[in-house]
Protein backbone atom coordinates (compact mmCIF):
# COMPACT_ATOMS: atom_id res chain seq x y z
CA MET A 1 102.47 146.53 58.19
CA ASN A 2 102.49 143.16 56.40
CA GLU A 3 105.47 142.05 58.47
CA LYS A 4 103.56 142.74 61.69
CA ILE A 5 100.54 140.76 60.47
CA ILE A 6 102.75 137.83 59.46
CA MET A 7 104.48 137.94 62.86
CA ILE A 8 101.10 137.96 64.66
CA ILE A 9 99.89 135.01 62.56
CA VAL A 10 103.06 133.04 63.34
CA CYS A 11 102.66 133.77 67.06
CA VAL A 12 99.01 132.69 66.98
CA VAL A 13 99.92 129.44 65.22
CA PHE A 14 102.59 128.65 67.81
CA ALA A 15 100.18 129.47 70.64
CA LEU A 16 97.59 127.09 69.16
CA ILE A 17 100.15 124.32 68.77
CA ILE A 18 101.32 124.70 72.36
CA SER A 19 97.76 124.77 73.71
CA CYS A 20 96.91 121.61 71.76
CA LYS A 21 99.95 119.84 73.21
CA ASN A 22 98.96 120.91 76.72
CA TYR A 23 95.38 119.71 76.18
CA ALA A 24 96.57 116.34 74.86
CA SER A 25 98.96 115.98 77.77
CA GLY A 26 96.14 116.70 80.22
CA GLU A 27 93.91 114.12 78.55
CA ASP A 28 96.71 111.52 78.77
CA LEU A 29 97.05 112.23 82.48
CA LYS A 30 93.30 111.85 83.00
CA GLN A 31 93.31 108.51 81.16
CA ASN A 32 96.30 107.31 83.19
CA VAL A 33 94.59 108.23 86.46
CA LYS A 34 91.39 106.47 85.37
CA GLU A 35 93.35 103.30 84.59
CA GLN A 36 95.18 103.43 87.93
CA VAL A 37 91.95 103.94 89.88
CA LYS A 38 90.23 101.13 87.98
CA GLY A 39 93.14 98.80 88.70
CA PHE A 40 93.10 99.74 92.38
CA LEU A 41 89.35 99.18 92.64
CA ASP A 42 89.60 95.83 90.85
CA THR A 43 92.31 94.73 93.28
CA LYS A 44 90.28 95.78 96.30
CA LYS A 45 87.19 94.04 94.89
CA GLU A 46 89.16 90.81 94.47
CA GLU A 47 90.52 91.09 98.02
CA LEU A 48 87.03 91.67 99.38
CA THR A 49 85.48 88.74 97.52
CA GLU A 50 88.31 86.43 98.59
CA GLY A 51 87.85 87.57 102.18
CA LEU A 52 84.12 86.88 102.00
CA LYS A 53 84.72 83.42 100.54
CA THR A 54 87.11 82.46 103.32
CA SER A 55 84.81 83.83 106.03
CA ASP A 56 81.88 81.91 104.50
CA GLN A 57 83.92 78.72 104.53
CA LYS A 58 84.89 79.26 108.18
CA PHE A 59 81.26 79.94 109.09
CA LEU A 60 80.09 76.76 107.36
CA GLN A 61 82.80 74.73 109.10
CA ASN A 62 81.70 76.11 112.46
CA LEU A 63 78.10 75.12 111.69
CA LYS A 64 79.17 71.57 110.89
CA ASN A 65 81.09 71.24 114.18
């Protein structure tokens, strides 16, 4: 009887360890995706602001002419 209880406890401990690793791995993936999305959005924001600056400059040049 004691051997069965010890075996169950060992199995439960291994199951907890594996589930913790899976949870940590999932959190790492979420963080990685957040960083990639933030980088993408920052790049698009820079492209948009640069595009607006150049179009503003062209508009002002056309007004002067």
